[in-house]
Amino acid sequence: MLAALKPPVGVLFETEGLYTLRDDSEIALTFTASFAQEESRTRSSAMNLSYEMRFRRGIFMLPKLHGYDKDEEGNLQLIGLFRFLSFTISLKISSCCANITN
């Protein structure tokens, strides 16, 4: 696509030594992209497998959740302003639903 422009635009991949305006670079670039894609799939599969193995052992990897903290037993608890906002929102939702059902 870039080679079709006037004037043609080439991309130099320094690490691989590929220049896209050379005739032989297209095949090499296709192979390199295929290897990179397969490596990405392999890593993704390994990560998914590691998560599954942790889950089976009862180890859950949770990111830091904004507005939550863990208590002494490891349970998630709402903190500070988030607790207030959650309570206020649940009151509004429950009063809204009560108006609909009545």
N, C-alpha and C. Protein backbone atom coordinates (compact mmCIF):
# COMPACT_ATOMS: atom_id res chain seq x y z
N MET A 1 0.82 -1.18 0.00
CA MET A 1 0.00 0.00 0.00
C MET A 1 0.87 1.25 0.00
N LEU A 2 1.86 1.31 0.89
CA LEU A 2 2.75 2.46 0.90
C LEU A 2 3.61 2.53 -0.35
N ALA A 3 3.94 1.36 -0.89
CA ALA A 3 4.76 1.32 -2.09
C ALA A 3 3.99 1.83 -3.31
N ALA A 4 2.67 1.84 -3.24
CA ALA A 4 1.85 2.29 -4.36
C ALA A 4 1.72 3.81 -4.41
N LEU A 5 2.13 4.50 -3.36
CA LEU A 5 2.03 5.95 -3.33
C LEU A 5 3.03 6.57 -4.31
N LYS A 6 2.78 7.81 -4.66
CA LYS A 6 3.70 8.56 -5.52
C LYS A 6 4.28 9.69 -4.70
N PRO A 7 5.54 9.75 -4.41
CA PRO A 7 6.56 8.73 -4.59
C PRO A 7 6.35 7.60 -3.58
N PRO A 8 6.86 6.41 -3.89
CA PRO A 8 6.69 5.26 -2.99
C PRO A 8 7.33 5.52 -1.63
N VAL A 9 6.68 5.01 -0.59
CA VAL A 9 7.19 5.16 0.78
C VAL A 9 7.63 3.78 1.26
N GLY A 10 8.89 3.68 1.67
CA GLY A 10 9.40 2.43 2.18
C GLY A 10 9.58 2.48 3.68
N VAL A 11 9.50 1.33 4.32
CA VAL A 11 9.71 1.22 5.77
C VAL A 11 10.91 0.31 5.99
N LEU A 12 11.84 0.78 6.81
CA LEU A 12 13.03 0.00 7.12
C LEU A 12 12.88 -0.59 8.51
N PHE A 13 12.89 -1.91 8.60
CA PHE A 13 12.89 -2.61 9.87
C PHE A 13 14.34 -2.95 10.18
N GLU A 14 14.96 -2.14 11.03
CA GLU A 14 16.39 -2.25 11.27
C GLU A 14 16.78 -3.58 11.89
N THR A 15 16.03 -4.05 12.88
CA THR A 15 16.42 -5.29 13.56
C THR A 15 16.40 -6.48 12.63
N GLU A 16 15.39 -6.53 11.76
CA GLU A 16 15.27 -7.65 10.83
C GLU A 16 16.04 -7.42 9.55
N GLY A 17 16.49 -6.19 9.31
CA GLY A 17 17.20 -5.87 8.08
C GLY A 17 16.29 -5.91 6.85
N LEU A 18 15.04 -5.52 7.03
CA LEU A 18 14.08 -5.55 5.94
C LEU A 18 13.73 -4.13 5.49
N TYR A 19 13.69 -3.94 4.19
CA TYR A 19 13.26 -2.67 3.61
C TYR A 19 12.12 -2.99 2.65
N THR A 20 10.97 -2.42 2.90
CA THR A 20 9.75 -2.85 2.20
C THR A 20 9.73 -2.55 0.71
N LEU A 21 10.60 -1.69 0.23
CA LEU A 21 10.62 -1.41 -1.21
C LEU A 21 11.47 -2.41 -2.00
N ARG A 22 12.19 -3.27 -1.30
CA ARG A 22 12.94 -4.33 -1.99
C ARG A 22 11.99 -5.48 -2.30
N ASP A 23 12.23 -6.14 -3.42
CA ASP A 23 11.35 -7.23 -3.86
C ASP A 23 11.35 -8.42 -2.90
N ASP A 24 12.49 -8.73 -2.32
CA ASP A 24 12.59 -9.92 -1.46
C ASP A 24 12.08 -9.69 -0.04
N SER A 25 11.73 -8.46 0.31
CA SER A 25 11.32 -8.18 1.69
C SER A 25 9.90 -8.63 2.01
N GLU A 26 9.04 -8.72 1.00
CA GLU A 26 7.65 -9.08 1.27
C GLU A 26 7.52 -10.48 1.85
N ILE A 27 8.25 -11.44 1.29
CA ILE A 27 8.19 -12.82 1.78
C ILE A 27 8.78 -12.90 3.19
N ALA A 28 9.93 -12.23 3.39
CA ALA A 28 10.57 -12.24 4.71
C ALA A 28 9.68 -11.58 5.75
N LEU A 29 9.02 -10.50 5.36
CA LEU A 29 8.13 -9.80 6.29
C LEU A 29 6.92 -10.67 6.63
N THR A 30 6.41 -11.42 5.65
CA THR A 30 5.29 -12.33 5.89
C THR A 30 5.67 -13.43 6.88
N PHE A 31 6.87 -14.01 6.70
CA PHE A 31 7.35 -15.04 7.63
C PHE A 31 7.53 -14.46 9.04
N THR A 32 8.13 -13.28 9.12
CA THR A 32 8.36 -12.64 10.43
C THR A 32 7.03 -12.37 11.13
N ALA A 33 6.05 -11.87 10.38
CA ALA A 33 4.73 -11.61 10.97
C ALA A 33 4.06 -12.90 11.42
N SER A 34 4.23 -13.97 10.65
CA SER A 34 3.64 -15.27 11.04
C SER A 34 4.25 -15.80 12.32
N PHE A 35 5.58 -15.70 12.44
CA PHE A 35 6.25 -16.14 13.65
C PHE A 35 5.81 -15.32 14.86
N ALA A 36 5.70 -14.00 14.66
CA ALA A 36 5.27 -13.13 15.76
C ALA A 36 3.85 -13.46 16.20
N GLN A 37 2.97 -13.72 15.24
CA GLN A 37 1.59 -14.07 15.56
C GLN A 37 1.52 -15.38 16.34
N GLU A 38 2.30 -16.36 15.92
CA GLU A 38 2.30 -17.65 16.62
C GLU A 38 2.87 -17.51 18.02
N GLU A 39 3.91 -16.69 18.18
CA GLU A 39 4.47 -16.46 19.51
C GLU A 39 3.44 -15.79 20.41
N SER A 40 2.68 -14.86 19.86
CA SER A 40 1.63 -14.20 20.63
C SER A 40 0.56 -15.19 21.07
N ARG A 41 0.16 -16.09 20.18
CA ARG A 41 -0.83 -17.12 20.54
C ARG A 41 -0.30 -18.05 21.62
N THR A 42 0.97 -18.43 21.49
CA THR A 42 1.58 -19.33 22.47
C THR A 42 1.61 -18.69 23.85
N ARG A 43 2.03 -17.43 23.91
CA ARG A 43 2.08 -16.73 25.20
C ARG A 43 0.69 -16.56 25.80
N SER A 44 -0.27 -16.23 24.96
CA SER A 44 -1.64 -16.06 25.44
C SER A 44 -2.17 -17.37 26.00
N SER A 45 -1.91 -18.45 25.31
CA SER A 45 -2.35 -19.77 25.77
C SER A 45 -1.70 -20.13 27.10
N ALA A 46 -0.40 -19.84 27.23
CA ALA A 46 0.30 -20.12 28.49
C ALA A 46 -0.27 -19.30 29.64
N MET A 47 -0.59 -18.03 29.38
CA MET A 47 -1.17 -17.18 30.43
C MET A 47 -2.55 -17.70 30.84
N ASN A 48 -3.37 -18.07 29.86
CA ASN A 48 -4.70 -18.61 30.18
C ASN A 48 -4.59 -19.89 30.99
N LEU A 49 -3.65 -20.74 30.63
CA LEU A 49 -3.44 -21.98 31.37
C LEU A 49 -2.99 -21.70 32.80
N SER A 50 -2.11 -20.71 32.97
CA SER A 50 -1.64 -20.39 34.33
C SER A 50 -2.79 -19.84 35.19
N TYR A 51 -3.66 -19.02 34.58
CA TYR A 51 -4.83 -18.53 35.34
C TYR A 51 -5.74 -19.69 35.73
N GLU A 52 -5.97 -20.60 34.80
CA GLU A 52 -6.83 -21.75 35.08
C GLU A 52 -6.25 -22.60 36.21
N MET A 53 -4.94 -22.83 36.19
CA MET A 53 -4.30 -23.63 37.23
C MET A 53 -4.40 -22.93 38.59
N ARG A 54 -4.23 -21.60 38.60
CA ARG A 54 -4.37 -20.86 39.86
C ARG A 54 -5.80 -20.96 40.39
N PHE A 55 -6.78 -20.80 39.50
CA PHE A 55 -8.18 -20.88 39.92
C PHE A 55 -8.50 -22.23 40.53
N ARG A 56 -7.98 -23.30 39.92
CA ARG A 56 -8.21 -24.64 40.45
C ARG A 56 -7.64 -24.79 41.85
N ARG A 57 -6.54 -24.09 42.13
CA ARG A 57 -5.92 -24.15 43.47
C ARG A 57 -6.52 -23.13 44.43
N GLY A 58 -7.50 -22.35 43.94
CA GLY A 58 -8.14 -21.37 44.80
C GLY A 58 -7.38 -20.06 44.92
N ILE A 59 -6.45 -19.81 44.01
CA ILE A 59 -5.69 -18.56 44.02
C ILE A 59 -6.25 -17.67 42.92
N PHE A 60 -6.83 -16.55 43.33
CA PHE A 60 -7.45 -15.64 42.37
C PHE A 60 -6.61 -14.38 42.26
N MET A 61 -6.26 -14.04 41.04
CA MET A 61 -5.46 -12.85 40.77
C MET A 61 -6.42 -11.71 40.44
N LEU A 62 -6.64 -10.82 41.38
CA LEU A 62 -7.53 -9.69 41.15
C LEU A 62 -6.72 -8.41 41.05
N PRO A 63 -7.04 -7.57 40.08
CA PRO A 63 -6.36 -6.28 40.02
C PRO A 63 -6.84 -5.39 41.17
N LYS A 64 -6.11 -4.35 41.46
CA LYS A 64 -6.52 -3.39 42.49
C LYS A 64 -7.79 -2.72 42.01
N LEU A 65 -8.86 -2.87 42.76
CA LEU A 65 -10.15 -2.30 42.39
C LEU A 65 -10.35 -0.97 43.11
N HIS A 66 -10.63 0.08 42.35
CA HIS A 66 -10.85 1.39 42.96
C HIS A 66 -12.12 1.38 43.80
N GLY A 67 -12.01 1.88 45.01
CA GLY A 67 -13.17 1.95 45.88
C GLY A 67 -13.39 0.71 46.73
N TYR A 68 -12.50 -0.26 46.61
CA TYR A 68 -12.60 -1.49 47.39
C TYR A 68 -11.31 -1.74 48.14
N ASP A 69 -11.44 -2.40 49.27
CA ASP A 69 -10.28 -2.86 50.02
C ASP A 69 -10.63 -4.25 50.55
N LYS A 70 -9.65 -4.96 51.05
CA LYS A 70 -9.92 -6.29 51.61
C LYS A 70 -9.93 -6.20 53.13
N ASP A 71 -10.88 -6.94 53.76
CA ASP A 71 -10.90 -6.99 55.21
C ASP A 71 -9.92 -8.06 55.70
N GLU A 72 -9.94 -8.35 57.00
CA GLU A 72 -9.00 -9.30 57.59
C GLU A 72 -9.12 -10.70 57.00
N GLU A 73 -10.31 -11.04 56.52
CA GLU A 73 -10.56 -12.38 55.97
C GLU A 73 -10.35 -12.43 54.45
N GLY A 74 -9.97 -11.29 53.86
CA GLY A 74 -9.72 -11.26 52.43
C GLY A 74 -10.94 -10.96 51.57
N ASN A 75 -12.06 -10.60 52.22
CA ASN A 75 -13.27 -10.26 51.48
C ASN A 75 -13.20 -8.81 51.00
N LEU A 76 -13.76 -8.55 49.80
CA LEU A 76 -13.78 -7.19 49.29
C LEU A 76 -14.82 -6.36 50.03
N GLN A 77 -14.41 -5.15 50.42
CA GLN A 77 -15.29 -4.22 51.13
C GLN A 77 -15.24 -2.86 50.44
N LEU A 78 -16.41 -2.22 50.28
CA LEU A 78 -16.43 -0.85 49.78
C LEU A 78 -15.80 0.07 50.81
N ILE A 79 -15.10 1.08 50.34
CA ILE A 79 -14.46 2.01 51.27
C ILE A 79 -14.95 3.43 51.06
N GLY A 80 -14.96 4.21 52.14
CA GLY A 80 -15.19 5.65 52.13
C GLY A 80 -16.33 6.13 51.27
N LEU A 81 -16.00 7.08 50.40
CA LEU A 81 -16.96 7.73 49.54
C LEU A 81 -17.67 6.72 48.64
N PHE A 82 -16.97 5.68 48.20
CA PHE A 82 -17.58 4.68 47.33
C PHE A 82 -18.71 3.95 48.05
N ARG A 83 -18.56 3.71 49.36
CA ARG A 83 -19.61 3.06 50.14
C ARG A 83 -20.84 3.95 50.17
N PHE A 84 -20.63 5.24 50.39
CA PHE A 84 -21.73 6.20 50.42
C PHE A 84 -22.43 6.27 49.06
N LEU A 85 -21.64 6.38 47.98
CA LEU A 85 -22.23 6.47 46.65
C LEU A 85 -22.99 5.20 46.30
N SER A 86 -22.44 4.06 46.63
CA SER A 86 -23.11 2.79 46.35
C SER A 86 -24.42 2.70 47.11
N PHE A 87 -24.41 3.11 48.39
CA PHE A 87 -25.62 3.08 49.20
C PHE A 87 -26.67 4.02 48.60
N THR A 88 -26.25 5.22 48.21
CA THR A 88 -27.17 6.21 47.64
C THR A 88 -27.76 5.70 46.33
N ILE A 89 -26.91 5.14 45.47
CA ILE A 89 -27.39 4.62 44.19
C ILE A 89 -28.35 3.45 44.40
N SER A 90 -28.04 2.56 45.34
CA SER A 90 -28.94 1.42 45.57
C SER A 90 -30.27 1.89 46.13
N LEU A 91 -30.26 2.95 46.96
CA LEU A 91 -31.52 3.50 47.46
C LEU A 91 -32.35 4.05 46.31
N LYS A 92 -31.71 4.79 45.40
CA LYS A 92 -32.43 5.38 44.27
C LYS A 92 -32.98 4.28 43.36
N ILE A 93 -32.20 3.24 43.12
CA ILE A 93 -32.65 2.14 42.27
C ILE A 93 -33.82 1.41 42.93
N SER A 94 -33.70 1.13 44.23
CA SER A 94 -34.78 0.40 44.90
C SER A 94 -36.06 1.24 44.97
N SER A 95 -35.93 2.57 45.18
CA SER A 95 -37.14 3.41 45.22
C SER A 95 -37.73 3.53 43.83
N CYS A 96 -36.89 3.56 42.81
CA CYS A 96 -37.35 3.62 41.43
C CYS A 96 -38.12 2.34 41.09
N CYS A 97 -37.56 1.22 41.46
CA CYS A 97 -38.22 -0.07 41.18
C CYS A 97 -39.50 -0.22 41.97
N ALA A 98 -39.53 0.32 43.18
CA ALA A 98 -40.74 0.23 44.01
C ALA A 98 -41.87 1.03 43.34
N ASN A 99 -41.53 2.17 42.74
CA ASN A 99 -42.54 2.96 42.04
C ASN A 99 -43.09 2.24 40.82
N ILE A 100 -42.23 1.47 40.18
CA ILE A 100 -42.67 0.75 38.98
C ILE A 100 -43.60 -0.41 39.34
N THR A 101 -43.27 -1.11 40.42
CA THR A 101 -44.07 -2.29 40.79
C THR A 101 -45.36 -1.93 41.49
N ASN A 102 -45.43 -0.73 42.08
CA ASN A 102 -46.66 -0.34 42.81
C ASN A 102 -47.65 0.33 41.93
